Amino acid sequence: MKRCVLWILAVTLLPFMLTLTCTAAQNQPANADEAAAKKAEADRKLDEQYQALVKTLSPVEQDWERVLQENLGSFYLPIHKRQKVAGQSNAWDFVMDDPQLPRVLLIGDSVSRGYTQSVRKAFAGKANVHRAPANCGPTSSGLKNLDVWLGDGKWDVIHFNFGIHDRNTPVDEYSERLEQLVTRMQKTGAKLIWASTTPIPDDPEKKQAAASIVERNKAAAEMMTKHGVATDDLFTAVTPHLDEMQNPNDVHFNAAGYEFLGQQVADAITEATK
């Protein structure tokens, strides 16, 4: 009896279930197309607002925005646009130099981006703090784009890091590229400060291992000693505070972490330039 009832239910519900499945399949492309269309329209409106804002800026500020448009890429440029349209300050704000103050350039990846504002706050009235117009990524990107990041002005201090994005770069290759970057930056006459790479968690799915950073920091330390470059040991400074300052299972930090790192960077620059 139970088998008979189940068979009748199956026969009765099967056409209905097939109809639902077909309807869902038919609706999926339309929904995807609709979502894509909405995103395209939102992007268009954002760009329209952003371009209108750029037109109100001074010529030098417009030049800087063009540099950002050419270098921030498809991930960071939309973020920058949204923040500028919303009137929010960010790491890539145009910096109007006070000619009486030293010029500092920060080069690094998203961790460096995260602490840029804290460094600016620490040096308010003491230094003009700029950052490279990009998420600088690995050493390979540095070799391709360093001249753009350095720009035409004179730098008094360059605080730089490459590491997280080089976690899978062979160490010998990493050291070779890093040496080329150091040699190029030393030609600017700026005081160079190397920032050791901050810790990362083990994550096989992302092909990252905590030990890779230790290994590359060691190689970088040898290179900086060879070339007489000062070191800002961010790795050692922040390691005791990872539980409360680093996001869970992430290479990035929370607000307290970036505030801490920014102050560490500011202290290292101050010490190195005495």
C-alpha atoms as a PDB file:
ATOM      1  CA  MET A   1       0.000   0.000   0.000  1.00  0.00           C
ATOM      2  CA  LYS A   2       2.772   2.472   0.983  1.00  0.00           C
ATOM      3  CA  ARG A   3       4.697   1.652  -2.202  1.00  0.00           C
ATOM      4  CA  CYS A   4       1.564   2.289  -4.245  1.00  0.00           C
ATOM      5  CA  VAL A   5       0.977   5.652  -2.609  1.00  0.00           C
ATOM      6  CA  LEU A   6       4.597   6.683  -3.139  1.00  0.00           C
ATOM      7  CA  TRP A   7       4.406   5.618  -6.779  1.00  0.00           C
ATOM      8  CA  ILE A   8       1.219   7.652  -7.316  1.00  0.00           C
ATOM      9  CA  LEU A   9       2.809  10.708  -5.660  1.00  0.00           C
ATOM     10  CA  ALA A  10       5.902  10.375  -7.786  1.00  0.00           C
ATOM     11  CA  VAL A  11       3.910  10.131 -10.992  1.00  0.00           C
ATOM     12  CA  THR A  12       1.705  13.037  -9.945  1.00  0.00           C
ATOM     13  CA  LEU A  13       4.516  15.374  -8.860  1.00  0.00           C
ATOM     14  CA  LEU A  14       7.037  14.554 -11.586  1.00  0.00           C
ATOM     15  CA  PRO A  15       5.505  16.838 -14.272  1.00  0.00           C
ATOM     16  CA  PHE A  16       5.249  19.658 -11.732  1.00  0.00           C
ATOM     17  CA  MET A  17       8.879  19.235 -10.682  1.00  0.00           C
ATOM     18  CA  LEU A  18      10.033  19.123 -14.285  1.00  0.00           C
ATOM     19  CA  THR A  19       8.109  22.319 -14.964  1.00  0.00           C
ATOM     20  CA  LEU A  20       9.801  24.072 -12.029  1.00  0.00           C
ATOM     21  CA  THR A  21      13.220  22.887 -13.185  1.00  0.00           C
ATOM     22  CA  CYS A  22      12.632  24.093 -16.732  1.00  0.00           C
ATOM     23  CA  THR A  23      11.276  27.417 -15.512  1.00  0.00           C
ATOM     24  CA  ALA A  24      14.322  27.947 -13.287  1.00  0.00           C
ATOM     25  CA  ALA A  25      16.619  27.090 -16.181  1.00  0.00           C
ATOM     26  CA  GLN A  26      14.796  29.502 -18.450  1.00  0.00           C
ATOM     27  CA  ASN A  27      14.893  32.297 -15.872  1.00  0.00           C
ATOM     28  CA  GLN A  28      18.581  31.892 -14.995  1.00  0.00           C
ATOM     29  CA  PRO A  29      20.081  33.537 -18.107  1.00  0.00           C
ATOM     30  CA  ALA A  30      17.538  36.344 -17.898  1.00  0.00           C
ATOM     31  CA  ASN A  31      18.386  36.954 -14.257  1.00  0.00           C
ATOM     32  CA  ALA A  32      22.108  36.872 -15.016  1.00  0.00           C
ATOM     33  CA  ASP A  33      21.645  39.262 -17.922  1.00  0.00           C
ATOM     34  CA  GLU A  34      19.542  41.536 -15.758  1.00  0.00           C
ATOM     35  CA  ALA A  35      22.165  41.556 -13.008  1.00  0.00           C
ATOM     36  CA  ALA A  36      24.893  42.316 -15.548  1.00  0.00           C
ATOM     37  CA  ALA A  37      22.814  45.124 -17.015  1.00  0.00           C
ATOM     38  CA  LYS A  38      22.204  46.637 -13.582  1.00  0.00           C
ATOM     39  CA  LYS A  39      25.918  46.482 -12.772  1.00  0.00           C
ATOM     40  CA  ALA A  40      26.814  48.090 -16.093  1.00  0.00           C
ATOM     41  CA  GLU A  41      24.324  50.876 -15.447  1.00  0.00           C
ATOM     42  CA  ALA A  42      25.650  51.415 -11.906  1.00  0.00           C
ATOM     43  CA  ASP A  43      29.220  51.524 -13.250  1.00  0.00           C
ATOM     44  CA  ARG A  44      28.168  54.021 -15.905  1.00  0.00           C
ATOM     45  CA  LYS A  45      26.530  56.297 -13.344  1.00  0.00           C
ATOM     46  CA  LEU A  46      29.529  56.058 -11.031  1.00  0.00           C
ATOM     47  CA  ASP A  47      31.932  56.960 -13.819  1.00  0.00           C
ATOM     48  CA  GLU A  48      29.695  59.847 -14.859  1.00  0.00           C
ATOM     49  CA  GLN A  49      29.693  61.215 -11.309  1.00  0.00           C
ATOM     50  CA  TYR A  50      33.416  60.667 -10.948  1.00  0.00           C
ATOM     51  CA  GLN A  51      34.273  62.390 -14.237  1.00  0.00           C
ATOM     52  CA  ALA A  52      32.062  65.333 -13.272  1.00  0.00           C
ATOM     53  CA  LEU A  53      33.956  65.583  -9.990  1.00  0.00           C
ATOM     54  CA  VAL A  54      37.341  65.400 -11.729  1.00  0.00           C
ATOM     55  CA  LYS A  55      36.375  68.364 -13.924  1.00  0.00           C
ATOM     56  CA  THR A  56      36.050  70.519 -10.798  1.00  0.00           C
ATOM     57  CA  LEU A  57      39.612  69.770  -9.679  1.00  0.00           C
ATOM     58  CA  SER A  58      42.734  71.818 -10.321  1.00  0.00           C
ATOM     59  CA  PRO A  59      44.936  70.838 -13.301  1.00  0.00           C
ATOM     60  CA  VAL A  60      47.524  69.112 -11.097  1.00  0.00           C
ATOM     61  CA  GLU A  61      44.814  67.147  -9.295  1.00  0.00           C
ATOM     62  CA  GLN A  62      43.313  66.129 -12.628  1.00  0.00           C
ATOM     63  CA  ASP A  63      46.738  64.920 -13.741  1.00  0.00           C
ATOM     64  CA  TRP A  64      46.966  62.778 -10.607  1.00  0.00           C
ATOM     65  CA  GLU A  65      43.527  61.284 -11.217  1.00  0.00           C
ATOM     66  CA  ARG A  66      44.604  60.372 -14.742  1.00  0.00           C
ATOM     67  CA  VAL A  67      47.634  58.580 -13.333  1.00  0.00           C
ATOM     68  CA  LEU A  68      45.352  56.655 -10.974  1.00  0.00           C
ATOM     69  CA  GLN A  69      42.975  55.771 -13.814  1.00  0.00           C
ATOM     70  CA  GLU A  70      45.894  54.311 -15.733  1.00  0.00           C
ATOM     71  CA  ASN A  71      47.395  52.361 -12.832  1.00  0.00           C
ATOM     72  CA  LEU A  72      44.844  51.330 -10.193  1.00  0.00           C
ATOM     73  CA  GLY A  73      43.342  48.541 -12.260  1.00  0.00           C
ATOM     74  CA  SER A  74      39.863  47.050 -12.432  1.00  0.00           C
ATOM     75  CA  PHE A  75      39.640  46.226  -8.720  1.00  0.00           C
ATOM     76  CA  TYR A  76      40.941  49.351  -6.978  1.00  0.00           C
ATOM     77  CA  LEU A  77      39.845  52.026  -9.459  1.00  0.00           C
ATOM     78  CA  PRO A  78      36.096  51.490  -8.851  1.00  0.00           C
ATOM     79  CA  ILE A  79      36.743  51.596  -5.103  1.00  0.00           C
ATOM     80  CA  HIS A  80      38.632  54.857  -5.523  1.00  0.00           C
ATOM     81  CA  LYS A  81      35.851  56.315  -7.665  1.00  0.00           C
ATOM     82  CA  ARG A  82      33.147  55.431  -5.146  1.00  0.00           C
ATOM     83  CA  GLN A  83      35.126  56.951  -2.296  1.00  0.00           C
ATOM     84  CA  LYS A  84      35.883  60.154  -4.193  1.00  0.00           C
ATOM     85  CA  VAL A  85      32.242  60.580  -5.250  1.00  0.00           C
ATOM     86  CA  ALA A  86      31.193  60.009  -1.632  1.00  0.00           C
ATOM     87  CA  GLY A  87      33.693  62.625  -0.447  1.00  0.00           C
ATOM     88  CA  GLN A  88      35.753  60.061   1.450  1.00  0.00           C
ATOM     89  CA  SER A  89      39.511  60.340   1.902  1.00  0.00           C
ATOM     90  CA  ASN A  90      41.661  57.390   0.875  1.00  0.00           C
ATOM     91  CA  ALA A  91      45.267  56.292   0.477  1.00  0.00           C
ATOM     92  CA  TRP A  92      45.404  57.697  -3.050  1.00  0.00           C
ATOM     93  CA  ASP A  93      44.364  61.229  -2.187  1.00  0.00           C
ATOM     94  CA  PHE A  94      46.209  63.939  -4.064  1.00  0.00           C
ATOM     95  CA  VAL A  95      48.914  65.417  -1.833  1.00  0.00           C
ATOM     96  CA  MET A  96      49.644  69.117  -2.205  1.00  0.00           C
ATOM     97  CA  ASP A  97      53.251  69.379  -1.111  1.00  0.00           C
ATOM     98  CA  ASP A  98      54.431  71.868   1.434  1.00  0.00           C
ATOM     99  CA  PRO A  99      57.826  72.789  -0.071  1.00  0.00           C
ATOM    100  CA  GLN A 100      59.234  73.302   3.418  1.00  0.00           C
ATOM    101  CA  LEU A 101      58.657  69.652   4.353  1.00  0.00           C
ATOM    102  CA  PRO A 102      60.365  66.436   3.201  1.00  0.00           C
ATOM    103  CA  ARG A 103      58.663  64.205   0.628  1.00  0.00           C
ATOM    104  CA  VAL A 104      58.003  60.585   1.593  1.00  0.00           C
ATOM    105  CA  LEU A 105      56.894  57.852  -0.827  1.00  0.00           C
ATOM    106  CA  LEU A 106      55.247  54.617   0.338  1.00  0.00           C
ATOM    107  CA  ILE A 107      55.508  51.642  -2.012  1.00  0.00           C
ATOM    108  CA  GLY A 108      53.733  48.381  -1.221  1.00  0.00           C
ATOM    109  CA  ASP A 109      50.681  46.192  -1.623  1.00  0.00           C
ATOM    110  CA  SER A 110      47.251  46.348   0.029  1.00  0.00           C
ATOM    111  CA  VAL A 111      48.766  46.138   3.517  1.00  0.00           C
ATOM    112  CA  SER A 112      50.752  49.277   2.724  1.00  0.00           C
ATOM    113  CA  ARG A 113      47.585  50.852   1.368  1.00  0.00           C
ATOM    114  CA  GLY A 114      45.906  50.037   4.672  1.00  0.00           C
ATOM    115  CA  TYR A 115      48.412  51.919   6.811  1.00  0.00           C
ATOM    116  CA  THR A 116      48.994  54.892   4.485  1.00  0.00           C
ATOM    117  CA  GLN A 117      46.399  57.117   6.146  1.00  0.00           C
ATOM    118  CA  SER A 118      47.835  56.378   9.597  1.00  0.00           C
ATOM    119  CA  VAL A 119      51.306  57.379   8.412  1.00  0.00           C
ATOM    120  CA  ARG A 120      49.914  60.633   7.023  1.00  0.00           C
ATOM    121  CA  LYS A 121      48.224  61.356  10.313  1.00  0.00           C
ATOM    122  CA  ALA A 122      51.447  60.717  12.216  1.00  0.00           C
ATOM    123  CA  PHE A 123      53.384  63.060   9.909  1.00  0.00           C
ATOM    124  CA  ALA A 124      50.795  65.842   9.678  1.00  0.00           C
ATOM    125  CA  GLY A 125      52.734  69.105   9.503  1.00  0.00           C
ATOM    126  CA  LYS A 126      56.035  67.184   9.420  1.00  0.00           C
ATOM    127  CA  ALA A 127      56.215  65.523   5.989  1.00  0.00           C
ATOM    128  CA  ASN A 128      54.403  65.193   2.675  1.00  0.00           C
ATOM    129  CA  VAL A 129      53.396  61.520   2.578  1.00  0.00           C
ATOM    130  CA  HIS A 130      52.572  60.105  -0.863  1.00  0.00           C
ATOM    131  CA  ARG A 131      51.933  56.546  -1.961  1.00  0.00           C
ATOM    132  CA  ALA A 132      52.529  54.826  -5.283  1.00  0.00           C
ATOM    133  CA  PRO A 133      49.479  55.007  -7.592  1.00  0.00           C
ATOM    134  CA  ALA A 134      48.845  51.251  -7.448  1.00  0.00           C
ATOM    135  CA  ASN A 135      48.566  48.146  -5.360  1.00  0.00           C
ATOM    136  CA  CYS A 136      52.214  47.469  -6.086  1.00  0.00           C
ATOM    137  CA  GLY A 137      51.996  43.691  -5.917  1.00  0.00           C
ATOM    138  CA  PRO A 138      55.026  41.499  -6.658  1.00  0.00           C
ATOM    139  CA  THR A 139      58.584  42.456  -7.584  1.00  0.00           C
ATOM    140  CA  SER A 140      57.785  41.705 -11.240  1.00  0.00           C
ATOM    141  CA  SER A 141      55.230  44.529 -11.173  1.00  0.00           C
ATOM    142  CA  GLY A 142      57.776  46.766  -9.486  1.00  0.00           C
ATOM    143  CA  LEU A 143      60.270  46.262 -12.301  1.00  0.00           C
ATOM    144  CA  LYS A 144      57.639  47.154 -14.888  1.00  0.00           C
ATOM    145  CA  ASN A 145      56.117  50.149 -13.121  1.00  0.00           C
ATOM    146  CA  LEU A 146      58.719  51.650 -10.787  1.00  0.00           C
ATOM    147  CA  ASP A 147      59.432  54.657 -13.006  1.00  0.00           C
ATOM    148  CA  VAL A 148      55.712  55.551 -12.990  1.00  0.00           C
ATOM    149  CA  TRP A 149      55.550  55.157  -9.197  1.00  0.00           C
ATOM    150  CA  LEU A 150      58.619  57.340  -8.679  1.00  0.00           C
ATOM    151  CA  GLY A 151      57.257  60.074 -10.935  1.00  0.00           C
ATOM    152  CA  ASP A 152      59.238  63.206 -11.716  1.00  0.00           C
ATOM    153  CA  GLY A 153      59.649  64.717  -8.248  1.00  0.00           C
ATOM    154  CA  LYS A 154      62.516  64.362  -5.797  1.00  0.00           C
ATOM    155  CA  TRP A 155      62.006  62.032  -2.833  1.00  0.00           C
ATOM    156  CA  ASP A 156      63.656  62.416   0.533  1.00  0.00           C
ATOM    157  CA  VAL A 157      62.498  59.000   1.800  1.00  0.00           C
ATOM    158  CA  ILE A 158      61.166  55.877   0.055  1.00  0.00           C
ATOM    159  CA  HIS A 159      59.632  53.282   2.372  1.00  0.00           C
ATOM    160  CA  PHE A 160      58.984  50.101   0.376  1.00  0.00           C
ATOM    161  CA  ASN A 161      57.928  46.466   0.553  1.00  0.00           C
ATOM    162  CA  PHE A 162      57.406  43.491  -1.747  1.00  0.00           C
ATOM    163  CA  GLY A 163      56.629  40.080  -0.319  1.00  0.00           C
ATOM    164  CA  ILE A 164      53.091  38.762   0.043  1.00  0.00           C
ATOM    165  CA  HIS A 165      52.572  38.692  -3.720  1.00  0.00           C
ATOM    166  CA  ASP A 166      55.995  37.055  -4.104  1.00  0.00           C
ATOM    167  CA  ARG A 167      55.237  34.229  -1.663  1.00  0.00           C
ATOM    168  CA  ASN A 168      55.446  31.688  -4.504  1.00  0.00           C
ATOM    169  CA  THR A 169      58.250  33.388  -6.405  1.00  0.00           C
ATOM    170  CA  PRO A 170      61.465  31.320  -6.184  1.00  0.00           C
ATOM    171  CA  VAL A 171      63.673  32.918  -3.535  1.00  0.00           C
ATOM    172  CA  ASP A 172      66.637  33.390  -5.878  1.00  0.00           C
ATOM    173  CA  GLU A 173      64.423  35.135  -8.409  1.00  0.00           C
ATOM    174  CA  TYR A 174      62.825  37.245  -5.676  1.00  0.00           C
ATOM    175  CA  SER A 175      66.257  38.354  -4.421  1.00  0.00           C
ATOM    176  CA  GLU A 176      67.441  39.179  -7.922  1.00  0.00           C
ATOM    177  CA  ARG A 177      64.399  41.338  -8.668  1.00  0.00           C
ATOM    178  CA  LEU A 178      64.574  43.016  -5.271  1.00  0.00           C
ATOM    179  CA  GLU A 179      68.209  43.936  -5.875  1.00  0.00           C
ATOM    180  CA  GLN A 180      67.312  45.529  -9.205  1.00  0.00           C
ATOM    181  CA  LEU A 181      64.595  47.575  -7.501  1.00  0.00           C
ATOM    182  CA  VAL A 182      66.918  48.704  -4.713  1.00  0.00           C
ATOM    183  CA  THR A 183      69.595  49.709  -7.209  1.00  0.00           C
ATOM    184  CA  ARG A 184      67.082  51.750  -9.204  1.00  0.00           C
ATOM    185  CA  MET A 185      65.655  53.480  -6.126  1.00  0.00           C
ATOM    186  CA  GLN A 186      69.093  54.328  -4.769  1.00  0.00           C
ATOM    187  CA  LYS A 187      69.702  56.357  -7.914  1.00  0.00           C
ATOM    188  CA  THR A 188      66.996  58.774  -6.770  1.00  0.00           C
ATOM    189  CA  GLY A 189      69.200  59.881  -3.867  1.00  0.00           C
ATOM    190  CA  ALA A 190      66.377  59.157  -1.417  1.00  0.00           C
ATOM    191  CA  LYS A 191      66.851  57.516   1.955  1.00  0.00           C
ATOM    192  CA  LEU A 192      65.582  53.958   1.468  1.00  0.00           C
ATOM    193  CA  ILE A 193      63.751  52.003   4.159  1.00  0.00           C
ATOM    194  CA  TRP A 194      62.783  48.385   3.581  1.00  0.00           C
ATOM    195  CA  ALA A 195      59.680  47.127   5.405  1.00  0.00           C
ATOM    196  CA  SER A 196      59.797  43.437   6.251  1.00  0.00           C
ATOM    197  CA  THR A 197      56.683  41.638   5.038  1.00  0.00           C
ATOM    198  CA  THR A 198      53.952  41.117   7.617  1.00  0.00           C
ATOM    199  CA  PRO A 199      52.911  37.540   8.550  1.00  0.00           C
ATOM    200  CA  ILE A 200      50.401  35.526   6.556  1.00  0.00           C
ATOM    201  CA  PRO A 201      48.411  32.474   7.690  1.00  0.00           C
ATOM    202  CA  ASP A 202      48.807  29.004   6.220  1.00  0.00           C
ATOM    203  CA  ASP A 203      46.120  28.515   3.556  1.00  0.00           C
ATOM    204  CA  PRO A 204      46.660  25.640   1.079  1.00  0.00           C
ATOM    205  CA  GLU A 205      43.639  26.676  -1.008  1.00  0.00           C
ATOM    206  CA  LYS A 206      45.244  30.071  -1.663  1.00  0.00           C
ATOM    207  CA  LYS A 207      48.644  28.456  -2.134  1.00  0.00           C
ATOM    208  CA  GLN A 208      50.150  30.392   0.739  1.00  0.00           C
ATOM    209  CA  ALA A 209      52.321  29.274   3.607  1.00  0.00           C
ATOM    210  CA  ALA A 210      53.404  31.282   6.627  1.00  0.00           C
ATOM    211  CA  ALA A 211      56.952  29.975   6.214  1.00  0.00           C
ATOM    212  CA  SER A 212      57.247  31.556   2.761  1.00  0.00           C
ATOM    213  CA  ILE A 213      57.243  35.028   4.309  1.00  0.00           C
ATOM    214  CA  VAL A 214      59.876  34.114   6.877  1.00  0.00           C
ATOM    215  CA  GLU A 215      62.036  32.778   4.066  1.00  0.00           C
ATOM    216  CA  ARG A 216      61.656  35.859   1.886  1.00  0.00           C
ATOM    217  CA  ASN A 217      62.183  38.244   4.775  1.00  0.00           C
ATOM    218  CA  LYS A 218      65.478  36.498   5.445  1.00  0.00           C
ATOM    219  CA  ALA A 219      66.530  36.874   1.819  1.00  0.00           C
ATOM    220  CA  ALA A 220      65.457  40.525   1.815  1.00  0.00           C
ATOM    221  CA  ALA A 221      67.350  41.228   5.037  1.00  0.00           C
ATOM    222  CA  GLU A 222      70.551  39.928   3.459  1.00  0.00           C
ATOM    223  CA  MET A 223      69.954  42.094   0.417  1.00  0.00           C
ATOM    224  CA  MET A 224      69.327  45.237   2.481  1.00  0.00           C
ATOM    225  CA  THR A 225      72.463  44.652   4.534  1.00  0.00           C
ATOM    226  CA  LYS A 226      74.451  44.263   1.337  1.00  0.00           C
ATOM    227  CA  HIS A 227      73.189  47.603   0.007  1.00  0.00           C
ATOM    228  CA  GLY A 228      73.155  49.514   3.296  1.00  0.00           C
ATOM    229  CA  VAL A 229      69.370  49.934   3.354  1.00  0.00           C
ATOM    230  CA  ALA A 230      67.611  50.540   6.688  1.00  0.00           C
ATOM    231  CA  THR A 231      64.934  48.038   7.759  1.00  0.00           C
ATOM    232  CA  ASP A 232      61.532  48.678   9.317  1.00  0.00           C
ATOM    233  CA  ASP A 233      60.820  45.268  10.853  1.00  0.00           C
ATOM    234  CA  LEU A 234      57.042  45.231  10.642  1.00  0.00           C
ATOM    235  CA  PHE A 235      56.992  41.424  10.830  1.00  0.00           C
ATOM    236  CA  THR A 236      58.577  41.337  14.286  1.00  0.00           C
ATOM    237  CA  ALA A 237      56.644  44.356  15.534  1.00  0.00           C
ATOM    238  CA  VAL A 238      53.161  43.069  14.697  1.00  0.00           C
ATOM    239  CA  THR A 239      53.606  39.324  15.280  1.00  0.00           C
ATOM    240  CA  PRO A 240      52.782  39.450  19.022  1.00  0.00           C
ATOM    241  CA  HIS A 241      49.527  41.267  18.206  1.00  0.00           C
ATOM    242  CA  LEU A 242      48.129  39.141  15.379  1.00  0.00           C
ATOM    243  CA  ASP A 243      45.207  37.737  17.373  1.00  0.00           C
ATOM    244  CA  GLU A 244      43.747  41.175  17.976  1.00  0.00           C
ATOM    245  CA  MET A 245      45.021  43.026  14.894  1.00  0.00           C
ATOM    246  CA  GLN A 246      44.919  40.666  11.912  1.00  0.00           C
ATOM    247  CA  ASN A 247      41.677  39.557  10.286  1.00  0.00           C
ATOM    248  CA  PRO A 248      40.953  35.826  10.772  1.00  0.00           C
ATOM    249  CA  ASN A 249      42.476  33.639   8.046  1.00  0.00           C
ATOM    250  CA  ASP A 250      43.555  36.736   6.142  1.00  0.00           C
ATOM    251  CA  VAL A 251      46.759  38.592   5.315  1.00  0.00           C
ATOM    252  CA  HIS A 252      45.065  41.932   6.004  1.00  0.00           C
ATOM    253  CA  PHE A 253      44.539  43.814   9.251  1.00  0.00           C
ATOM    254  CA  ASN A 254      41.705  45.533  11.057  1.00  0.00           C
ATOM    255  CA  ALA A 255      41.629  49.261  11.842  1.00  0.00           C
ATOM    256  CA  ALA A 256      43.661  48.826  15.028  1.00  0.00           C
ATOM    257  CA  GLY A 257      46.246  46.827  13.098  1.00  0.00           C
ATOM    258  CA  TYR A 258      46.676  49.459  10.422  1.00  0.00           C
ATOM    259  CA  GLU A 259      46.893  52.182  13.040  1.00  0.00           C
ATOM    260  CA  PHE A 260      49.632  50.193  14.783  1.00  0.00           C
ATOM    261  CA  LEU A 261      51.521  49.536  11.545  1.00  0.00           C
ATOM    262  CA  GLY A 262      51.197  53.165  10.467  1.00  0.00           C
ATOM    263  CA  GLN A 263      52.741  54.371  13.705  1.00  0.00           C
ATOM    264  CA  GLN A 264      55.519  51.786  13.358  1.00  0.00           C
ATOM    265  CA  VAL A 265      56.238  53.046   9.838  1.00  0.00           C
ATOM    266  CA  ALA A 266      56.243  56.668  10.995  1.00  0.00           C
ATOM    267  CA  ASP A 267      58.634  55.844  13.852  1.00  0.00           C
ATOM    268  CA  ALA A 268      60.962  53.956  11.509  1.00  0.00           C
ATOM    269  CA  ILE A 269      61.057  56.846   9.037  1.00  0.00           C
ATOM    270  CA  THR A 270      61.718  59.323  11.840  1.00  0.00           C
ATOM    271  CA  GLU A 271      64.519  57.184  13.240  1.00  0.00           C
ATOM    272  CA  ALA A 272      66.124  56.568   9.868  1.00  0.00           C
ATOM    273  CA  THR A 273      66.166  60.251   8.944  1.00  0.00           C
ATOM    274  CA  LYS A 274      67.651  61.663  12.163  1.00  0.00           C
END
